[in-house]
Amino acid sequence: DEAMVERIREMSGAFGAEVGVSAW
């Protein structure tokens, strides 16, 4: 769900690759 997506997005500053996250 969107709550899970938000938890992943909170880590985006530590990502070295291009990452896209979504829920539906």
mmCIF file of all heavy atoms, coordinates in Angstrom:
data_MODEL
# 
_entry.id   MODEL 
# 
loop_
_atom_site.group_PDB 
_atom_site.id 
_atom_site.type_symbol 
_atom_site.label_atom_id 
_atom_site.label_alt_id 
_atom_site.label_comp_id 
_atom_site.label_asym_id 
_atom_site.label_entity_id 
_atom_site.label_seq_id 
_atom_site.pdbx_PDB_ins_code 
_atom_site.Cartn_x 
_atom_site.Cartn_y 
_atom_site.Cartn_z 
_atom_site.occupancy 
_atom_site.B_iso_or_equiv 
_atom_site.pdbx_formal_charge 
_atom_site.auth_seq_id 
_atom_site.auth_comp_id 
_atom_site.auth_asym_id 
_atom_site.auth_atom_id 
_atom_site.pdbx_PDB_model_num 
ATOM 1   N N   . ASP A 1 1  ? 0.836  -1.195 0.000   1.00 0.00 ? 1  ASP A N   1 
ATOM 2   C CA  . ASP A 1 1  ? 0.000  0.000  0.000   1.00 0.00 ? 1  ASP A CA  1 
ATOM 3   C C   . ASP A 1 1  ? 0.872  1.246  0.000   1.00 0.00 ? 1  ASP A C   1 
ATOM 4   O O   . ASP A 1 1  ? 2.103  1.178  -0.022  1.00 0.00 ? 1  ASP A O   1 
ATOM 5   C CB  . ASP A 1 1  ? -0.948 -0.008 1.200   1.00 0.00 ? 1  ASP A CB  1 
ATOM 6   C CG  . ASP A 1 1  ? -0.213 -0.186 2.532   1.00 0.00 ? 1  ASP A CG  1 
ATOM 7   O OD1 . ASP A 1 1  ? 0.995  0.145  2.597   1.00 0.00 ? 1  ASP A OD1 1 
ATOM 8   O OD2 . ASP A 1 1  ? -0.836 -0.645 3.507   1.00 0.00 ? 1  ASP A OD2 1 
ATOM 9   N N   . GLU A 1 2  ? 0.223  2.400  0.041   1.00 0.00 ? 2  GLU A N   1 
ATOM 10  C CA  . GLU A 1 2  ? 0.954  3.665  -0.006  1.00 0.00 ? 2  GLU A CA  1 
ATOM 11  C C   . GLU A 1 2  ? 1.842  3.857  1.222   1.00 0.00 ? 2  GLU A C   1 
ATOM 12  O O   . GLU A 1 2  ? 2.903  4.482  1.139   1.00 0.00 ? 2  GLU A O   1 
ATOM 13  C CB  . GLU A 1 2  ? -0.026 4.833  -0.130  1.00 0.00 ? 2  GLU A CB  1 
ATOM 14  C CG  . GLU A 1 2  ? -0.668 4.961  -1.498  1.00 0.00 ? 2  GLU A CG  1 
ATOM 15  C CD  . GLU A 1 2  ? 0.341  5.299  -2.594  1.00 0.00 ? 2  GLU A CD  1 
ATOM 16  O OE1 . GLU A 1 2  ? 1.409  5.845  -2.266  1.00 0.00 ? 2  GLU A OE1 1 
ATOM 17  O OE2 . GLU A 1 2  ? 0.042  5.031  -3.772  1.00 0.00 ? 2  GLU A OE2 1 
ATOM 18  N N   . ALA A 1 3  ? 1.425  3.332  2.373   1.00 0.00 ? 3  ALA A N   1 
ATOM 19  C CA  . ALA A 1 3  ? 2.259  3.451  3.568   1.00 0.00 ? 3  ALA A CA  1 
ATOM 20  C C   . ALA A 1 3  ? 3.588  2.728  3.371   1.00 0.00 ? 3  ALA A C   1 
ATOM 21  O O   . ALA A 1 3  ? 4.654  3.229  3.767   1.00 0.00 ? 3  ALA A O   1 
ATOM 22  C CB  . ALA A 1 3  ? 1.518  2.888  4.781   1.00 0.00 ? 3  ALA A CB  1 
ATOM 23  N N   . MET A 1 4  ? 3.551  1.562  2.739   1.00 0.00 ? 4  MET A N   1 
ATOM 24  C CA  . MET A 1 4  ? 4.780  0.833  2.449   1.00 0.00 ? 4  MET A CA  1 
ATOM 25  C C   . MET A 1 4  ? 5.640  1.615  1.463   1.00 0.00 ? 4  MET A C   1 
ATOM 26  O O   . MET A 1 4  ? 6.871  1.705  1.614   1.00 0.00 ? 4  MET A O   1 
ATOM 27  C CB  . MET A 1 4  ? 4.442  -0.550 1.877   1.00 0.00 ? 4  MET A CB  1 
ATOM 28  C CG  . MET A 1 4  ? 5.662  -1.376 1.496   1.00 0.00 ? 4  MET A CG  1 
ATOM 29  S SD  . MET A 1 4  ? 5.192  -3.004 0.877   1.00 0.00 ? 4  MET A SD  1 
ATOM 30  C CE  . MET A 1 4  ? 4.584  -3.769 2.391   1.00 0.00 ? 4  MET A CE  1 
ATOM 31  N N   . VAL A 1 5  ? 5.014  2.168  0.442   1.00 0.00 ? 5  VAL A N   1 
ATOM 32  C CA  . VAL A 1 5  ? 5.742  2.972  -0.539  1.00 0.00 ? 5  VAL A CA  1 
ATOM 33  C C   . VAL A 1 5  ? 6.439  4.147  0.135   1.00 0.00 ? 5  VAL A C   1 
ATOM 34  O O   . VAL A 1 5  ? 7.604  4.464  -0.167  1.00 0.00 ? 5  VAL A O   1 
ATOM 35  C CB  . VAL A 1 5  ? 4.777  3.456  -1.644  1.00 0.00 ? 5  VAL A CB  1 
ATOM 36  C CG1 . VAL A 1 5  ? 5.438  4.530  -2.502  1.00 0.00 ? 5  VAL A CG1 1 
ATOM 37  C CG2 . VAL A 1 5  ? 4.336  2.282  -2.513  1.00 0.00 ? 5  VAL A CG2 1 
ATOM 38  N N   . GLU A 1 6  ? 5.758  4.798  1.054   1.00 0.00 ? 6  GLU A N   1 
ATOM 39  C CA  . GLU A 1 6  ? 6.362  5.935  1.752   1.00 0.00 ? 6  GLU A CA  1 
ATOM 40  C C   . GLU A 1 6  ? 7.572  5.513  2.568   1.00 0.00 ? 6  GLU A C   1 
ATOM 41  O O   . GLU A 1 6  ? 8.565  6.243  2.649   1.00 0.00 ? 6  GLU A O   1 
ATOM 42  C CB  . GLU A 1 6  ? 5.328  6.624  2.633   1.00 0.00 ? 6  GLU A CB  1 
ATOM 43  C CG  . GLU A 1 6  ? 4.310  7.444  1.857   1.00 0.00 ? 6  GLU A CG  1 
ATOM 44  C CD  . GLU A 1 6  ? 4.981  8.479  0.950   1.00 0.00 ? 6  GLU A CD  1 
ATOM 45  O OE1 . GLU A 1 6  ? 5.904  9.175  1.430   1.00 0.00 ? 6  GLU A OE1 1 
ATOM 46  O OE2 . GLU A 1 6  ? 4.591  8.570  -0.217  1.00 0.00 ? 6  GLU A OE2 1 
ATOM 47  N N   . ARG A 1 7  ? 7.506  4.331  3.202   1.00 0.00 ? 7  ARG A N   1 
ATOM 48  C CA  . ARG A 1 7  ? 8.660  3.851  3.968   1.00 0.00 ? 7  ARG A CA  1 
ATOM 49  C C   . ARG A 1 7  ? 9.870  3.649  3.058   1.00 0.00 ? 7  ARG A C   1 
ATOM 50  O O   . ARG A 1 7  ? 11.004 3.953  3.433   1.00 0.00 ? 7  ARG A O   1 
ATOM 51  C CB  . ARG A 1 7  ? 8.323  2.538  4.682   1.00 0.00 ? 7  ARG A CB  1 
ATOM 52  C CG  . ARG A 1 7  ? 7.308  2.671  5.792   1.00 0.00 ? 7  ARG A CG  1 
ATOM 53  C CD  . ARG A 1 7  ? 7.418  1.507  6.780   1.00 0.00 ? 7  ARG A CD  1 
ATOM 54  N NE  . ARG A 1 7  ? 7.308  0.203  6.129   1.00 0.00 ? 7  ARG A NE  1 
ATOM 55  C CZ  . ARG A 1 7  ? 6.157  -0.424 5.915   1.00 0.00 ? 7  ARG A CZ  1 
ATOM 56  N NH1 . ARG A 1 7  ? 5.000  0.173  6.246   1.00 0.00 ? 7  ARG A NH1 1 
ATOM 57  N NH2 . ARG A 1 7  ? 6.136  -1.620 5.364   1.00 0.00 ? 7  ARG A NH2 1 
ATOM 58  N N   . ILE A 1 8  ? 9.619  3.149  1.854   1.00 0.00 ? 8  ILE A N   1 
ATOM 59  C CA  . ILE A 1 8  ? 10.721 2.948  0.907   1.00 0.00 ? 8  ILE A CA  1 
ATOM 60  C C   . ILE A 1 8  ? 11.254 4.287  0.415   1.00 0.00 ? 8  ILE A C   1 
ATOM 61  O O   . ILE A 1 8  ? 12.469 4.500  0.318   1.00 0.00 ? 8  ILE A O   1 
ATOM 62  C CB  . ILE A 1 8  ? 10.252 2.078  -0.275  1.00 0.00 ? 8  ILE A CB  1 
ATOM 63  C CG1 . ILE A 1 8  ? 9.858  0.682  0.218   1.00 0.00 ? 8  ILE A CG1 1 
ATOM 64  C CG2 . ILE A 1 8  ? 11.346 1.968  -1.329  1.00 0.00 ? 8  ILE A CG2 1 
ATOM 65  C CD1 . ILE A 1 8  ? 9.214  -0.194 -0.827  1.00 0.00 ? 8  ILE A CD1 1 
ATOM 66  N N   . ARG A 1 9  ? 10.344 5.212  0.140   1.00 0.00 ? 9  ARG A N   1 
ATOM 67  C CA  . ARG A 1 9  ? 10.776 6.518  -0.357  1.00 0.00 ? 9  ARG A CA  1 
ATOM 68  C C   . ARG A 1 9  ? 11.594 7.285  0.673   1.00 0.00 ? 9  ARG A C   1 
ATOM 69  O O   . ARG A 1 9  ? 12.444 8.098  0.320   1.00 0.00 ? 9  ARG A O   1 
ATOM 70  C CB  . ARG A 1 9  ? 9.559  7.327  -0.790  1.00 0.00 ? 9  ARG A CB  1 
ATOM 71  C CG  . ARG A 1 9  ? 8.949  6.846  -2.101  1.00 0.00 ? 9  ARG A CG  1 
ATOM 72  C CD  . ARG A 1 9  ? 7.672  7.574  -2.434  1.00 0.00 ? 9  ARG A CD  1 
ATOM 73  N NE  . ARG A 1 9  ? 7.124  7.121  -3.716  1.00 0.00 ? 9  ARG A NE  1 
ATOM 74  C CZ  . ARG A 1 9  ? 5.872  7.313  -4.103  1.00 0.00 ? 9  ARG A CZ  1 
ATOM 75  N NH1 . ARG A 1 9  ? 5.016  7.938  -3.288  1.00 0.00 ? 9  ARG A NH1 1 
ATOM 76  N NH2 . ARG A 1 9  ? 5.458  6.870  -5.276  1.00 0.00 ? 9  ARG A NH2 1 
ATOM 77  N N   . GLU A 1 10 ? 11.351 7.019  1.940   1.00 0.00 ? 10 GLU A N   1 
ATOM 78  C CA  . GLU A 1 10 ? 12.126 7.687  2.984   1.00 0.00 ? 10 GLU A CA  1 
ATOM 79  C C   . GLU A 1 10 ? 13.607 7.303  2.925   1.00 0.00 ? 10 GLU A C   1 
ATOM 80  O O   . GLU A 1 10 ? 14.456 8.031  3.438   1.00 0.00 ? 10 GLU A O   1 
ATOM 81  C CB  . GLU A 1 10 ? 11.548 7.343  4.360   1.00 0.00 ? 10 GLU A CB  1 
ATOM 82  C CG  . GLU A 1 10 ? 10.207 8.024  4.646   1.00 0.00 ? 10 GLU A CG  1 
ATOM 83  C CD  . GLU A 1 10 ? 9.585  7.549  5.944   1.00 0.00 ? 10 GLU A CD  1 
ATOM 84  O OE1 . GLU A 1 10 ? 10.217 6.677  6.617   1.00 0.00 ? 10 GLU A OE1 1 
ATOM 85  O OE2 . GLU A 1 10 ? 8.491  8.021  6.295   1.00 0.00 ? 10 GLU A OE2 1 
ATOM 86  N N   . MET A 1 11 ? 13.907 6.167  2.289   1.00 0.00 ? 11 MET A N   1 
ATOM 87  C CA  . MET A 1 11 ? 15.297 5.732  2.161   1.00 0.00 ? 11 MET A CA  1 
ATOM 88  C C   . MET A 1 11 ? 15.944 6.235  0.881   1.00 0.00 ? 11 MET A C   1 
ATOM 89  O O   . MET A 1 11 ? 17.107 5.933  0.608   1.00 0.00 ? 11 MET A O   1 
ATOM 90  C CB  . MET A 1 11 ? 15.378 4.199  2.175   1.00 0.00 ? 11 MET A CB  1 
ATOM 91  C CG  . MET A 1 11 ? 14.813 3.548  3.415   1.00 0.00 ? 11 MET A CG  1 
ATOM 92  S SD  . MET A 1 11 ? 15.105 1.755  3.404   1.00 0.00 ? 11 MET A SD  1 
ATOM 93  C CE  . MET A 1 11 ? 14.097 1.261  1.996   1.00 0.00 ? 11 MET A CE  1 
ATOM 94  N N   . SER A 1 12 ? 15.210 6.956  0.041   1.00 0.00 ? 12 SER A N   1 
ATOM 95  C CA  . SER A 1 12 ? 15.681 7.302  -1.301  1.00 0.00 ? 12 SER A CA  1 
ATOM 96  C C   . SER A 1 12 ? 17.003 8.060  -1.305  1.00 0.00 ? 12 SER A C   1 
ATOM 97  O O   . SER A 1 12 ? 17.786 7.959  -2.247  1.00 0.00 ? 12 SER A O   1 
ATOM 98  C CB  . SER A 1 12 ? 14.617 8.113  -2.045  1.00 0.00 ? 12 SER A CB  1 
ATOM 99  O OG  . SER A 1 12 ? 14.337 9.319  -1.351  1.00 0.00 ? 12 SER A OG  1 
ATOM 100 N N   . GLY A 1 13 ? 17.279 8.807  -0.239  1.00 0.00 ? 13 GLY A N   1 
ATOM 101 C CA  . GLY A 1 13 ? 18.535 9.543  -0.185  1.00 0.00 ? 13 GLY A CA  1 
ATOM 102 C C   . GLY A 1 13 ? 19.746 8.643  -0.116  1.00 0.00 ? 13 GLY A C   1 
ATOM 103 O O   . GLY A 1 13 ? 20.868 9.070  -0.434  1.00 0.00 ? 13 GLY A O   1 
ATOM 104 N N   . ALA A 1 14 ? 19.554 7.376  0.289   1.00 0.00 ? 14 ALA A N   1 
ATOM 105 C CA  . ALA A 1 14 ? 20.662 6.429  0.394   1.00 0.00 ? 14 ALA A CA  1 
ATOM 106 C C   . ALA A 1 14 ? 20.790 5.540  -0.839  1.00 0.00 ? 14 ALA A C   1 
ATOM 107 O O   . ALA A 1 14 ? 21.711 4.726  -0.916  1.00 0.00 ? 14 ALA A O   1 
ATOM 108 C CB  . ALA A 1 14 ? 20.482 5.559  1.635   1.00 0.00 ? 14 ALA A CB  1 
ATOM 109 N N   . PHE A 1 15 ? 19.889 5.706  -1.807  1.00 0.00 ? 15 PHE A N   1 
ATOM 110 C CA  . PHE A 1 15 ? 19.946 4.869  -3.009  1.00 0.00 ? 15 PHE A CA  1 
ATOM 111 C C   . PHE A 1 15 ? 21.018 5.369  -3.969  1.00 0.00 ? 15 PHE A C   1 
ATOM 112 O O   . PHE A 1 15 ? 21.146 6.576  -4.203  1.00 0.00 ? 15 PHE A O   1 
ATOM 113 C CB  . PHE A 1 15 ? 18.596 4.849  -3.731  1.00 0.00 ? 15 PHE A CB  1 
ATOM 114 C CG  . PHE A 1 15 ? 17.517 4.106  -2.989  1.00 0.00 ? 15 PHE A CG  1 
ATOM 115 C CD1 . PHE A 1 15 ? 16.185 4.455  -3.141  1.00 0.00 ? 15 PHE A CD1 1 
ATOM 116 C CD2 . PHE A 1 15 ? 17.825 3.048  -2.152  1.00 0.00 ? 15 PHE A CD2 1 
ATOM 117 C CE1 . PHE A 1 15 ? 15.181 3.776  -2.469  1.00 0.00 ? 15 PHE A CE1 1 
ATOM 118 C CE2 . PHE A 1 15 ? 16.831 2.367  -1.466  1.00 0.00 ? 15 PHE A CE2 1 
ATOM 119 C CZ  . PHE A 1 15 ? 15.502 2.729  -1.633  1.00 0.00 ? 15 PHE A CZ  1 
ATOM 120 N N   . GLY A 1 16 ? 21.755 4.437  -4.553  1.00 0.00 ? 16 GLY A N   1 
ATOM 121 C CA  . GLY A 1 16 ? 22.744 4.807  -5.566  1.00 0.00 ? 16 GLY A CA  1 
ATOM 122 C C   . GLY A 1 16 ? 22.232 4.600  -6.967  1.00 0.00 ? 16 GLY A C   1 
ATOM 123 O O   . GLY A 1 16 ? 22.781 5.137  -7.929  1.00 0.00 ? 16 GLY A O   1 
ATOM 124 N N   . ALA A 1 17 ? 21.176 3.797  -7.118  1.00 0.00 ? 17 ALA A N   1 
ATOM 125 C CA  . ALA A 1 17 ? 20.572 3.531  -8.420  1.00 0.00 ? 17 ALA A CA  1 
ATOM 126 C C   . ALA A 1 17 ? 19.327 4.381  -8.592  1.00 0.00 ? 17 ALA A C   1 
ATOM 127 O O   . ALA A 1 17 ? 18.853 5.033  -7.658  1.00 0.00 ? 17 ALA A O   1 
ATOM 128 C CB  . ALA A 1 17 ? 20.217 2.052  -8.536  1.00 0.00 ? 17 ALA A CB  1 
ATOM 129 N N   . GLU A 1 18 ? 18.797 4.374  -9.802  1.00 0.00 ? 18 GLU A N   1 
ATOM 130 C CA  . GLU A 1 18 ? 17.506 5.014  -10.054 1.00 0.00 ? 18 GLU A CA  1 
ATOM 131 C C   . GLU A 1 18 ? 16.416 4.055  -9.600  1.00 0.00 ? 18 GLU A C   1 
ATOM 132 O O   . GLU A 1 18 ? 16.380 2.895  -10.016 1.00 0.00 ? 18 GLU A O   1 
ATOM 133 C CB  . GLU A 1 18 ? 17.349 5.322  -11.541 1.00 0.00 ? 18 GLU A CB  1 
ATOM 134 C CG  . GLU A 1 18 ? 16.053 6.037  -11.881 1.00 0.00 ? 18 GLU A CG  1 
ATOM 135 C CD  . GLU A 1 18 ? 15.933 6.365  -13.362 1.00 0.00 ? 18 GLU A CD  1 
ATOM 136 O OE1 . GLU A 1 18 ? 16.920 6.159  -14.093 1.00 0.00 ? 18 GLU A OE1 1 
ATOM 137 O OE2 . GLU A 1 18 ? 14.851 6.808  -13.769 1.00 0.00 ? 18 GLU A OE2 1 
ATOM 138 N N   . VAL A 1 19 ? 15.528 4.530  -8.733  1.00 0.00 ? 19 VAL A N   1 
ATOM 139 C CA  . VAL A 1 19 ? 14.512 3.670  -8.143  1.00 0.00 ? 19 VAL A CA  1 
ATOM 140 C C   . VAL A 1 19 ? 13.154 4.350  -8.252  1.00 0.00 ? 19 VAL A C   1 
ATOM 141 O O   . VAL A 1 19 ? 13.015 5.535  -7.927  1.00 0.00 ? 19 VAL A O   1 
ATOM 142 C CB  . VAL A 1 19 ? 14.815 3.353  -6.665  1.00 0.00 ? 19 VAL A CB  1 
ATOM 143 C CG1 . VAL A 1 19 ? 13.762 2.405  -6.101  1.00 0.00 ? 19 VAL A CG1 1 
ATOM 144 C CG2 . VAL A 1 19 ? 16.198 2.747  -6.514  1.00 0.00 ? 19 VAL A CG2 1 
ATOM 145 N N   . GLY A 1 20 ? 12.153 3.612  -8.700  1.00 0.00 ? 20 GLY A N   1 
ATOM 146 C CA  . GLY A 1 20 ? 10.787 4.095  -8.742  1.00 0.00 ? 20 GLY A CA  1 
ATOM 147 C C   . GLY A 1 20 ? 9.891  3.153  -7.957  1.00 0.00 ? 20 GLY A C   1 
ATOM 148 O O   . GLY A 1 20 ? 10.029 1.930  -8.062  1.00 0.00 ? 20 GLY A O   1 
ATOM 149 N N   . VAL A 1 21 ? 8.995  3.696  -7.152  1.00 0.00 ? 21 VAL A N   1 
ATOM 150 C CA  . VAL A 1 21 ? 8.133  2.884  -6.288  1.00 0.00 ? 21 VAL A CA  1 
ATOM 151 C C   . VAL A 1 21 ? 6.691  3.336  -6.457  1.00 0.00 ? 21 VAL A C   1 
ATOM 152 O O   . VAL A 1 21 ? 6.409  4.533  -6.543  1.00 0.00 ? 21 VAL A O   1 
ATOM 153 C CB  . VAL A 1 21 ? 8.539  3.026  -4.803  1.00 0.00 ? 21 VAL A CB  1 
ATOM 154 C CG1 . VAL A 1 21 ? 7.854  1.950  -3.965  1.00 0.00 ? 21 VAL A CG1 1 
ATOM 155 C CG2 . VAL A 1 21 ? 10.038 2.963  -4.628  1.00 0.00 ? 21 VAL A CG2 1 
ATOM 156 N N   . SER A 1 22 ? 5.790  2.379  -6.498  1.00 0.00 ? 22 SER A N   1 
ATOM 157 C CA  . SER A 1 22 ? 4.375  2.726  -6.605  1.00 0.00 ? 22 SER A CA  1 
ATOM 158 C C   . SER A 1 22 ? 3.526  1.610  -6.019  1.00 0.00 ? 22 SER A C   1 
ATOM 159 O O   . SER A 1 22 ? 3.999  0.489  -5.825  1.00 0.00 ? 22 SER A O   1 
ATOM 160 C CB  . SER A 1 22 ? 3.984  2.972  -8.073  1.00 0.00 ? 22 SER A CB  1 
ATOM 161 O OG  . SER A 1 22 ? 4.283  1.838  -8.869  1.00 0.00 ? 22 SER A OG  1 
ATOM 162 N N   . ALA A 1 23 ? 2.268  1.919  -5.738  1.00 0.00 ? 23 ALA A N   1 
ATOM 163 C CA  . ALA A 1 23 ? 1.320  0.931  -5.211  1.00 0.00 ? 23 ALA A CA  1 
ATOM 164 C C   . ALA A 1 23 ? -0.025 1.118  -5.891  1.00 0.00 ? 23 ALA A C   1 
ATOM 165 O O   . ALA A 1 23 ? -0.449 2.248  -6.142  1.00 0.00 ? 23 ALA A O   1 
ATOM 166 C CB  . ALA A 1 23 ? 1.176  1.079  -3.699  1.00 0.00 ? 23 ALA A CB  1 
ATOM 167 N N   . TRP A 1 24 ? -0.671 0.028  -6.209  1.00 0.00 ? 24 TRP A N   1 
ATOM 168 C CA  . TRP A 1 24 ? -2.014 0.073  -6.791  1.00 0.00 ? 24 TRP A CA  1 
ATOM 169 C C   . TRP A 1 24 ? -2.636 -1.319 -6.681  1.00 0.00 ? 24 TRP A C   1 
ATOM 170 O O   . TRP A 1 24 ? -1.946 -2.320 -6.621  1.00 0.00 ? 24 TRP A O   1 
ATOM 171 C CB  . TRP A 1 24 ? -1.977 0.556  -8.247  1.00 0.00 ? 24 TRP A CB  1 
ATOM 172 C CG  . TRP A 1 24 ? -1.411 -0.418 -9.246  1.00 0.00 ? 24 TRP A CG  1 
ATOM 173 C CD1 . TRP A 1 24 ? -2.103 -1.205 -10.110 1.00 0.00 ? 24 TRP A CD1 1 
ATOM 174 C CD2 . TRP A 1 24 ? -0.021 -0.709 -9.483  1.00 0.00 ? 24 TRP A CD2 1 
ATOM 175 N NE1 . TRP A 1 24 ? -1.248 -1.970 -10.879 1.00 0.00 ? 24 TRP A NE1 1 
ATOM 176 C CE2 . TRP A 1 24 ? 0.030  -1.680 -10.508 1.00 0.00 ? 24 TRP A CE2 1 
ATOM 177 C CE3 . TRP A 1 24 ? 1.175  -0.258 -8.931  1.00 0.00 ? 24 TRP A CE3 1 
ATOM 178 C CZ2 . TRP A 1 24 ? 1.240  -2.202 -10.981 1.00 0.00 ? 24 TRP A CZ2 1 
ATOM 179 C CZ3 . TRP A 1 24 ? 2.378  -0.777 -9.397  1.00 0.00 ? 24 TRP A CZ3 1 
ATOM 180 C CH2 . TRP A 1 24 ? 2.392  -1.719 -10.413 1.00 0.00 ? 24 TRP A CH2 1 
# 
